[in-house]
Amino acid sequence: MPDLNMQSLESLKKNFTPPQDTNKIHRSKLSGMDKLALQVTNKIGTMGFFFIIAGWTFSWLLWNMFAPVNLRFDPFPAFVLWLFI
């Protein structure tokens, strides 16, 4: 009488496919625009980008509050103030 456990083990070994990295598979199927979108969102989500945008916003707001009137391009209270709030 053949050993059923050994037969099933041998058949499992023959039919076994090793696990695959689903991240690599997914990345290989991304289009160029998808890859670009991922790069942009990865950079925009950094603290460095946040500080750049915060600095730019404060500069914009301060310039349009305190610069000479003839040099202001977005007079106070401007869109940036409402955006900031």
PDB file of N, CA and C in Angstrom:
ATOM      1  N   MET A   1       0.850  -1.171   0.000  1.00  0.00           N
ATOM      2  CA  MET A   1       0.000   0.000   0.000  1.00  0.00           C
ATOM      3  C   MET A   1       0.906   1.248   0.000  1.00  0.00           C
ATOM      4  N   PRO A   2       0.698   2.132  -0.979  1.00  0.00           N
ATOM      5  CA  PRO A   2       1.551   3.315  -1.047  1.00  0.00           C
ATOM      6  C   PRO A   2       1.224   4.304   0.071  1.00  0.00           C
ATOM      7  N   ASP A   3       2.225   5.048   0.452  1.00  0.00           N
ATOM      8  CA  ASP A   3       2.049   6.048   1.495  1.00  0.00           C
ATOM      9  C   ASP A   3       1.398   7.291   0.869  1.00  0.00           C
ATOM     10  N   LEU A   4       0.134   7.579   1.257  1.00  0.00           N
ATOM     11  CA  LEU A   4      -0.615   8.683   0.660  1.00  0.00           C
ATOM     12  C   LEU A   4      -0.034  10.044   1.040  1.00  0.00           C
ATOM     13  N   ASN A   5       0.488  10.134   2.237  1.00  0.00           N
ATOM     14  CA  ASN A   5       1.074  11.396   2.667  1.00  0.00           C
ATOM     15  C   ASN A   5       2.286  11.763   1.831  1.00  0.00           C
ATOM     16  N   MET A   6       3.115  10.813   1.512  1.00  0.00           N
ATOM     17  CA  MET A   6       4.299  11.078   0.701  1.00  0.00           C
ATOM     18  C   MET A   6       3.905  11.448  -0.721  1.00  0.00           C
ATOM     19  N   GLN A   7       2.916  10.817  -1.273  1.00  0.00           N
ATOM     20  CA  GLN A   7       2.475  11.138  -2.627  1.00  0.00           C
ATOM     21  C   GLN A   7       1.929  12.568  -2.669  1.00  0.00           C
ATOM     22  N   SER A   8       1.137  12.914  -1.707  1.00  0.00           N
ATOM     23  CA  SER A   8       0.575  14.248  -1.720  1.00  0.00           C
ATOM     24  C   SER A   8       1.670  15.288  -1.484  1.00  0.00           C
ATOM     25  N   LEU A   9       2.653  14.963  -0.670  1.00  0.00           N
ATOM     26  CA  LEU A   9       3.750  15.881  -0.442  1.00  0.00           C
ATOM     27  C   LEU A   9       4.562  16.069  -1.724  1.00  0.00           C
ATOM     28  N   GLU A  10       4.823  15.002  -2.408  1.00  0.00           N
ATOM     29  CA  GLU A  10       5.566  15.086  -3.673  1.00  0.00           C
ATOM     30  C   GLU A  10       4.779  15.862  -4.721  1.00  0.00           C
ATOM     31  N   SER A  11       3.478  15.649  -4.794  1.00  0.00           N
ATOM     32  CA  SER A  11       2.680  16.390  -5.767  1.00  0.00           C
ATOM     33  C   SER A  11       2.617  17.872  -5.410  1.00  0.00           C
ATOM     34  N   LEU A  12       2.600  18.169  -4.106  1.00  0.00           N
ATOM     35  CA  LEU A  12       2.637  19.577  -3.685  1.00  0.00           C
ATOM     36  C   LEU A  12       3.947  20.229  -4.091  1.00  0.00           C
ATOM     37  N   LYS A  13       5.040  19.517  -3.915  1.00  0.00           N
ATOM     38  CA  LYS A  13       6.334  20.064  -4.303  1.00  0.00           C
ATOM     39  C   LYS A  13       6.404  20.341  -5.800  1.00  0.00           C
ATOM     40  N   LYS A  14       5.838  19.460  -6.607  1.00  0.00           N
ATOM     41  CA  LYS A  14       5.856  19.642  -8.061  1.00  0.00           C
ATOM     42  C   LYS A  14       4.988  20.820  -8.486  1.00  0.00           C
ATOM     43  N   ASN A  15       3.863  21.016  -7.821  1.00  0.00           N
ATOM     44  CA  ASN A  15       2.911  22.053  -8.209  1.00  0.00           C
ATOM     45  C   ASN A  15       3.104  23.376  -7.466  1.00  0.00           C
ATOM     46  N   PHE A  16       4.088  23.401  -6.565  1.00  0.00           N
ATOM     47  CA  PHE A  16       4.304  24.594  -5.751  1.00  0.00           C
ATOM     48  C   PHE A  16       4.910  25.723  -6.585  1.00  0.00           C
ATOM     49  N   THR A  17       4.338  26.912  -6.471  1.00  0.00           N
ATOM     50  CA  THR A  17       4.954  28.097  -7.071  1.00  0.00           C
ATOM     51  C   THR A  17       5.382  29.003  -5.919  1.00  0.00           C
ATOM     52  N   PRO A  18       6.595  29.487  -5.973  1.00  0.00           N
ATOM     53  CA  PRO A  18       7.072  30.319  -4.866  1.00  0.00           C
ATOM     54  C   PRO A  18       6.283  31.621  -4.779  1.00  0.00           C
ATOM     55  N   PRO A  19       6.197  32.207  -3.592  1.00  0.00           N
ATOM     56  CA  PRO A  19       5.471  33.460  -3.452  1.00  0.00           C
ATOM     57  C   PRO A  19       6.136  34.561  -4.286  1.00  0.00           C
ATOM     58  N   GLN A  20       5.308  35.481  -4.777  1.00  0.00           N
ATOM     59  CA  GLN A  20       5.810  36.565  -5.609  1.00  0.00           C
ATOM     60  C   GLN A  20       5.651  37.888  -4.873  1.00  0.00           C
ATOM     61  N   ASP A  21       6.520  38.820  -5.186  1.00  0.00           N
ATOM     62  CA  ASP A  21       6.449  40.150  -4.600  1.00  0.00           C
ATOM     63  C   ASP A  21       5.365  40.936  -5.333  1.00  0.00           C
ATOM     64  N   THR A  22       4.218  41.089  -4.704  1.00  0.00           N
ATOM     65  CA  THR A  22       3.098  41.765  -5.364  1.00  0.00           C
ATOM     66  C   THR A  22       3.387  43.243  -5.599  1.00  0.00           C
ATOM     67  N   ASN A  23       4.259  43.838  -4.782  1.00  0.00           N
ATOM     68  CA  ASN A  23       4.628  45.234  -5.018  1.00  0.00           C
ATOM     69  C   ASN A  23       5.369  45.388  -6.341  1.00  0.00           C
ATOM     70  N   LYS A  24       6.305  44.477  -6.614  1.00  0.00           N
ATOM     71  CA  LYS A  24       7.042  44.532  -7.882  1.00  0.00           C
ATOM     72  C   LYS A  24       6.107  44.302  -9.065  1.00  0.00           C
ATOM     73  N   ILE A  25       5.198  43.367  -8.916  1.00  0.00           N
ATOM     74  CA  ILE A  25       4.246  43.078  -9.994  1.00  0.00           C
ATOM     75  C   ILE A  25       3.391  44.306 -10.263  1.00  0.00           C
ATOM     76  N   HIS A  26       2.894  44.932  -9.210  1.00  0.00           N
ATOM     77  CA  HIS A  26       2.053  46.124  -9.367  1.00  0.00           C
ATOM     78  C   HIS A  26       2.840  47.264 -10.010  1.00  0.00           C
ATOM     79  N   ARG A  27       4.085  47.510  -9.527  1.00  0.00           N
ATOM     80  CA  ARG A  27       4.910  48.597 -10.086  1.00  0.00           C
ATOM     81  C   ARG A  27       5.205  48.374 -11.553  1.00  0.00           C
ATOM     82  N   SER A  28       5.371  47.129 -11.955  1.00  0.00           N
ATOM     83  CA  SER A  28       5.686  46.859 -13.359  1.00  0.00           C
ATOM     84  C   SER A  28       4.508  47.141 -14.282  1.00  0.00           C
ATOM     85  N   LYS A  29       3.298  47.174 -13.736  1.00  0.00           N
ATOM     86  CA  LYS A  29       2.103  47.421 -14.541  1.00  0.00           C
ATOM     87  C   LYS A  29       1.694  48.895 -14.572  1.00  0.00           C
ATOM     88  N   LEU A  30       2.404  49.757 -13.839  1.00  0.00           N
ATOM     89  CA  LEU A  30       2.046  51.176 -13.800  1.00  0.00           C
ATOM     90  C   LEU A  30       2.421  51.869 -15.109  1.00  0.00           C
ATOM     91  N   SER A  31       1.573  52.789 -15.526  1.00  0.00           N
ATOM     92  CA  SER A  31       1.881  53.576 -16.720  1.00  0.00           C
ATOM     93  C   SER A  31       2.862  54.686 -16.341  1.00  0.00           C
ATOM     94  N   GLY A  32       3.372  55.379 -17.334  1.00  0.00           N
ATOM     95  CA  GLY A  32       4.285  56.491 -17.090  1.00  0.00           C
ATOM     96  C   GLY A  32       3.639  57.589 -16.273  1.00  0.00           C
ATOM     97  N   MET A  33       2.384  57.887 -16.557  1.00  0.00           N
ATOM     98  CA  MET A  33       1.678  58.925 -15.798  1.00  0.00           C
ATOM     99  C   MET A  33       1.464  58.501 -14.351  1.00  0.00           C
ATOM    100  N   ASP A  34       1.190  57.229 -14.131  1.00  0.00           N
ATOM    101  CA  ASP A  34       1.031  56.735 -12.761  1.00  0.00           C
ATOM    102  C   ASP A  34       2.334  56.877 -11.981  1.00  0.00           C
ATOM    103  N   LYS A  35       3.463  56.552 -12.632  1.00  0.00           N
ATOM    104  CA  LYS A  35       4.762  56.681 -11.974  1.00  0.00           C
ATOM    105  C   LYS A  35       5.062  58.139 -11.661  1.00  0.00           C
ATOM    106  N   LEU A  36       4.741  59.038 -12.597  1.00  0.00           N
ATOM    107  CA  LEU A  36       4.942  60.468 -12.366  1.00  0.00           C
ATOM    108  C   LEU A  36       4.074  60.947 -11.205  1.00  0.00           C
ATOM    109  N   ALA A  37       2.824  60.523 -11.176  1.00  0.00           N
ATOM    110  CA  ALA A  37       1.913  60.919 -10.090  1.00  0.00           C
ATOM    111  C   ALA A  37       2.445  60.448  -8.740  1.00  0.00           C
ATOM    112  N   LEU A  38       2.993  59.249  -8.676  1.00  0.00           N
ATOM    113  CA  LEU A  38       3.559  58.752  -7.418  1.00  0.00           C
ATOM    114  C   LEU A  38       4.761  59.578  -6.978  1.00  0.00           C
ATOM    115  N   GLN A  39       5.626  59.944  -7.930  1.00  0.00           N
ATOM    116  CA  GLN A  39       6.787  60.763  -7.586  1.00  0.00           C
ATOM    117  C   GLN A  39       6.359  62.127  -7.058  1.00  0.00           C
ATOM    118  N   VAL A  40       5.384  62.736  -7.717  1.00  0.00           N
ATOM    119  CA  VAL A  40       4.910  64.060  -7.295  1.00  0.00           C
ATOM    120  C   VAL A  40       4.304  63.984  -5.903  1.00  0.00           C
ATOM    121  N   THR A  41       3.433  63.019  -5.674  1.00  0.00           N
ATOM    122  CA  THR A  41       2.787  62.925  -4.357  1.00  0.00           C
ATOM    123  C   THR A  41       3.777  62.541  -3.263  1.00  0.00           C
ATOM    124  N   ASN A  42       4.805  61.780  -3.592  1.00  0.00           N
ATOM    125  CA  ASN A  42       5.824  61.461  -2.589  1.00  0.00           C
ATOM    126  C   ASN A  42       6.616  62.699  -2.191  1.00  0.00           C
ATOM    127  N   LYS A  43       6.909  63.587  -3.138  1.00  0.00           N
ATOM    128  CA  LYS A  43       7.665  64.809  -2.836  1.00  0.00           C
ATOM    129  C   LYS A  43       6.797  65.848  -2.143  1.00  0.00           C
ATOM    130  N   ILE A  44       5.556  65.991  -2.564  1.00  0.00           N
ATOM    131  CA  ILE A  44       4.680  67.007  -1.986  1.00  0.00           C
ATOM    132  C   ILE A  44       4.325  66.655  -0.551  1.00  0.00           C
ATOM    133  N   GLY A  45       4.342  65.410  -0.212  1.00  0.00           N
ATOM    134  CA  GLY A  45       3.988  64.994   1.134  1.00  0.00           C
ATOM    135  C   GLY A  45       5.120  65.111   2.137  1.00  0.00           C
ATOM    136  N   THR A  46       6.243  65.740   1.763  1.00  0.00           N
ATOM    137  CA  THR A  46       7.373  65.841   2.682  1.00  0.00           C
ATOM    138  C   THR A  46       7.290  67.113   3.520  1.00  0.00           C
ATOM    139  N   MET A  47       7.967  67.120   4.651  1.00  0.00           N
ATOM    140  CA  MET A  47       8.004  68.304   5.503  1.00  0.00           C
ATOM    141  C   MET A  47       8.755  69.445   4.820  1.00  0.00           C
ATOM    142  N   GLY A  48       9.758  69.121   4.028  1.00  0.00           N
ATOM    143  CA  GLY A  48      10.486  70.160   3.298  1.00  0.00           C
ATOM    144  C   GLY A  48       9.555  70.950   2.395  1.00  0.00           C
ATOM    145  N   PHE A  49       8.715  70.247   1.666  1.00  0.00           N
ATOM    146  CA  PHE A  49       7.763  70.926   0.788  1.00  0.00           C
ATOM    147  C   PHE A  49       6.773  71.749   1.606  1.00  0.00           C
ATOM    148  N   PHE A  50       6.334  71.218   2.729  1.00  0.00           N
ATOM    149  CA  PHE A  50       5.430  71.966   3.599  1.00  0.00           C
ATOM    150  C   PHE A  50       6.057  73.280   4.047  1.00  0.00           C
ATOM    151  N   PHE A  51       7.331  73.241   4.456  1.00  0.00           N
ATOM    152  CA  PHE A  51       8.006  74.468   4.893  1.00  0.00           C
ATOM    153  C   PHE A  51       8.170  75.463   3.749  1.00  0.00           C
ATOM    154  N   ILE A  52       8.442  74.972   2.563  1.00  0.00           N
ATOM    155  CA  ILE A  52       8.554  75.864   1.396  1.00  0.00           C
ATOM    156  C   ILE A  52       7.220  76.564   1.145  1.00  0.00           C
ATOM    157  N   ILE A  53       6.135  75.808   1.133  1.00  0.00           N
ATOM    158  CA  ILE A  53       4.818  76.393   0.875  1.00  0.00           C
ATOM    159  C   ILE A  53       4.414  77.336   2.008  1.00  0.00           C
ATOM    160  N   ALA A  54       4.697  76.969   3.246  1.00  0.00           N
ATOM    161  CA  ALA A  54       4.360  77.840   4.377  1.00  0.00           C
ATOM    162  C   ALA A  54       5.149  79.145   4.287  1.00  0.00           C
ATOM    163  N   GLY A  55       6.439  79.054   3.979  1.00  0.00           N
ATOM    164  CA  GLY A  55       7.253  80.260   3.831  1.00  0.00           C
ATOM    165  C   GLY A  55       6.766  81.147   2.702  1.00  0.00           C
ATOM    166  N   TRP A  56       6.441  80.531   1.575  1.00  0.00           N
ATOM    167  CA  TRP A  56       5.920  81.290   0.431  1.00  0.00           C
ATOM    168  C   TRP A  56       4.602  81.979   0.796  1.00  0.00           C
ATOM    169  N   THR A  57       3.729  81.276   1.492  1.00  0.00           N
ATOM    170  CA  THR A  57       2.433  81.839   1.874  1.00  0.00           C
ATOM    171  C   THR A  57       2.609  83.021   2.827  1.00  0.00           C
ATOM    172  N   PHE A  58       3.471  82.853   3.830  1.00  0.00           N
ATOM    173  CA  PHE A  58       3.715  83.959   4.763  1.00  0.00           C
ATOM    174  C   PHE A  58       4.349  85.153   4.050  1.00  0.00           C
ATOM    175  N   SER A  59       5.290  84.878   3.150  1.00  0.00           N
ATOM    176  CA  SER A  59       5.927  85.970   2.393  1.00  0.00           C
ATOM    177  C   SER A  59       4.894  86.721   1.568  1.00  0.00           C
ATOM    178  N   TRP A  60       4.071  85.988   0.877  1.00  0.00           N
ATOM    179  CA  TRP A  60       3.003  86.576   0.043  1.00  0.00           C
ATOM    180  C   TRP A  60       2.091  87.452   0.902  1.00  0.00           C
ATOM    181  N   LEU A  61       1.661  86.902   2.015  1.00  0.00           N
ATOM    182  CA  LEU A  61       0.750  87.605   2.908  1.00  0.00           C
ATOM    183  C   LEU A  61       1.400  88.857   3.495  1.00  0.00           C
ATOM    184  N   LEU A  62       2.628  88.738   3.988  1.00  0.00           N
ATOM    185  CA  LEU A  62       3.320  89.889   4.579  1.00  0.00           C
ATOM    186  C   LEU A  62       3.609  90.970   3.540  1.00  0.00           C
ATOM    187  N   TRP A  63       4.034  90.551   2.336  1.00  0.00           N
ATOM    188  CA  TRP A  63       4.301  91.533   1.271  1.00  0.00           C
ATOM    189  C   TRP A  63       3.036  92.328   0.961  1.00  0.00           C
ATOM    190  N   ASN A  64       1.939  91.661   0.839  1.00  0.00           N
ATOM    191  CA  ASN A  64       0.702  92.340   0.452  1.00  0.00           C
ATOM    192  C   ASN A  64       0.035  93.079   1.611  1.00  0.00           C
ATOM    193  N   MET A  65       0.564  92.910   2.814  1.00  0.00           N
ATOM    194  CA  MET A  65       0.068  93.683   3.953  1.00  0.00           C
ATOM    195  C   MET A  65       0.936  94.916   4.203  1.00  0.00           C
ATOM    196  N   PHE A  66       2.272  94.766   4.042  1.00  0.00           N
ATOM    197  CA  PHE A  66       3.178  95.815   4.498  1.00  0.00           C
ATOM    198  C   PHE A  66       4.018  96.481   3.405  1.00  0.00           C
ATOM    199  N   ALA A  67       3.976  95.998   2.193  1.00  0.00           N
ATOM    200  CA  ALA A  67       4.747  96.618   1.109  1.00  0.00           C
ATOM    201  C   ALA A  67       4.104  97.949   0.732  1.00  0.00           C
ATOM    202  N   PRO A  68       4.854  98.824   0.063  1.00  0.00           N
ATOM    203  CA  PRO A  68       4.237 100.064  -0.425  1.00  0.00           C
ATOM    204  C   PRO A  68       3.001  99.747  -1.280  1.00  0.00           C
ATOM    205  N   VAL A  69       1.991 100.572  -1.147  1.00  0.00           N
ATOM    206  CA  VAL A  69       0.696 100.299  -1.778  1.00  0.00           C
ATOM    207  C   VAL A  69       0.835 100.082  -3.281  1.00  0.00           C
ATOM    208  N   ASN A  70       1.677 100.854  -3.937  1.00  0.00           N
ATOM    209  CA  ASN A  70       1.799 100.723  -5.396  1.00  0.00           C
ATOM    210  C   ASN A  70       2.530  99.439  -5.808  1.00  0.00           C
ATOM    211  N   LEU A  71       3.195  98.749  -4.879  1.00  0.00           N
ATOM    212  CA  LEU A  71       3.907  97.508  -5.198  1.00  0.00           C
ATOM    213  C   LEU A  71       3.129  96.250  -4.815  1.00  0.00           C
ATOM    214  N   ARG A  72       2.010  96.417  -4.147  1.00  0.00           N
ATOM    215  CA  ARG A  72       1.211  95.245  -3.757  1.00  0.00           C
ATOM    216  C   ARG A  72       0.490  94.699  -4.980  1.00  0.00           C
ATOM    217  N   PHE A  73       0.581  93.409  -5.168  1.00  0.00           N
ATOM    218  CA  PHE A  73      -0.063  92.785  -6.329  1.00  0.00           C
ATOM    219  C   PHE A  73      -1.337  92.045  -5.967  1.00  0.00           C
ATOM    220  N   ASP A  74      -1.586  91.868  -4.681  1.00  0.00           N
ATOM    221  CA  ASP A  74      -2.768  91.154  -4.210  1.00  0.00           C
ATOM    222  C   ASP A  74      -3.195  91.812  -2.895  1.00  0.00           C
ATOM    223  N   PRO A  75      -3.850  92.979  -2.962  1.00  0.00           N
ATOM    224  CA  PRO A  75      -4.083  93.799  -1.767  1.00  0.00           C
ATOM    225  C   PRO A  75      -4.767  93.043  -0.631  1.00  0.00           C
ATOM    226  N   PHE A  76      -4.347  93.398   0.585  1.00  0.00           N
ATOM    227  CA  PHE A  76      -4.901  92.796   1.798  1.00  0.00           C
ATOM    228  C   PHE A  76      -6.361  93.194   1.962  1.00  0.00           C
ATOM    229  N   PRO A  77      -7.275  92.417   2.442  1.00  0.00           N
ATOM    230  CA  PRO A  77      -7.203  90.989   2.712  1.00  0.00           C
ATOM    231  C   PRO A  77      -7.430  90.214   1.413  1.00  0.00           C
ATOM    232  N   ALA A  78      -6.479  89.517   1.023  1.00  0.00           N
ATOM    233  CA  ALA A  78      -6.495  88.858  -0.284  1.00  0.00           C
ATOM    234  C   ALA A  78      -6.841  87.380  -0.147  1.00  0.00           C
ATOM    235  N   PHE A  79      -6.809  86.762  -1.274  1.00  0.00           N
ATOM    236  CA  PHE A  79      -7.111  85.330  -1.322  1.00  0.00           C
ATOM    237  C   PHE A  79      -6.203  84.534  -0.398  1.00  0.00           C
ATOM    238  N   VAL A  80      -4.927  84.900  -0.318  1.00  0.00           N
ATOM    239  CA  VAL A  80      -3.997  84.156   0.506  1.00  0.00           C
ATOM    240  C   VAL A  80      -4.375  84.230   1.977  1.00  0.00           C
ATOM    241  N   LEU A  81      -4.869  85.376   2.427  1.00  0.00           N
ATOM    242  CA  LEU A  81      -5.316  85.481   3.814  1.00  0.00           C
ATOM    243  C   LEU A  81      -6.465  84.508   4.068  1.00  0.00           C
ATOM    244  N   TRP A  82      -7.433  84.488   3.170  1.00  0.00           N
ATOM    245  CA  TRP A  82      -8.570  83.574   3.354  1.00  0.00           C
ATOM    246  C   TRP A  82      -8.133  82.133   3.256  1.00  0.00           C
ATOM    247  N   LEU A  83      -7.182  81.864   2.392  1.00  0.00           N
ATOM    248  CA  LEU A  83      -6.638  80.512   2.277  1.00  0.00           C
ATOM    249  C   LEU A  83      -5.907  80.125   3.558  1.00  0.00           C
ATOM    250  N   PHE A  84      -5.148  81.078   4.105  1.00  0.00           N
ATOM    251  CA  PHE A  84      -4.402  80.846   5.328  1.00  0.00           C
ATOM    252  C   PHE A  84      -5.326  80.559   6.502  1.00  0.00           C
ATOM    253  N   ILE A  85      -6.401  81.301   6.575  1.00  0.00           N
ATOM    254  CA  ILE A  85      -7.371  81.114   7.660  1.00  0.00           C
ATOM    255  C   ILE A  85      -7.999  79.732   7.556  1.00  0.00           C
TER     256      ILE A  85
END
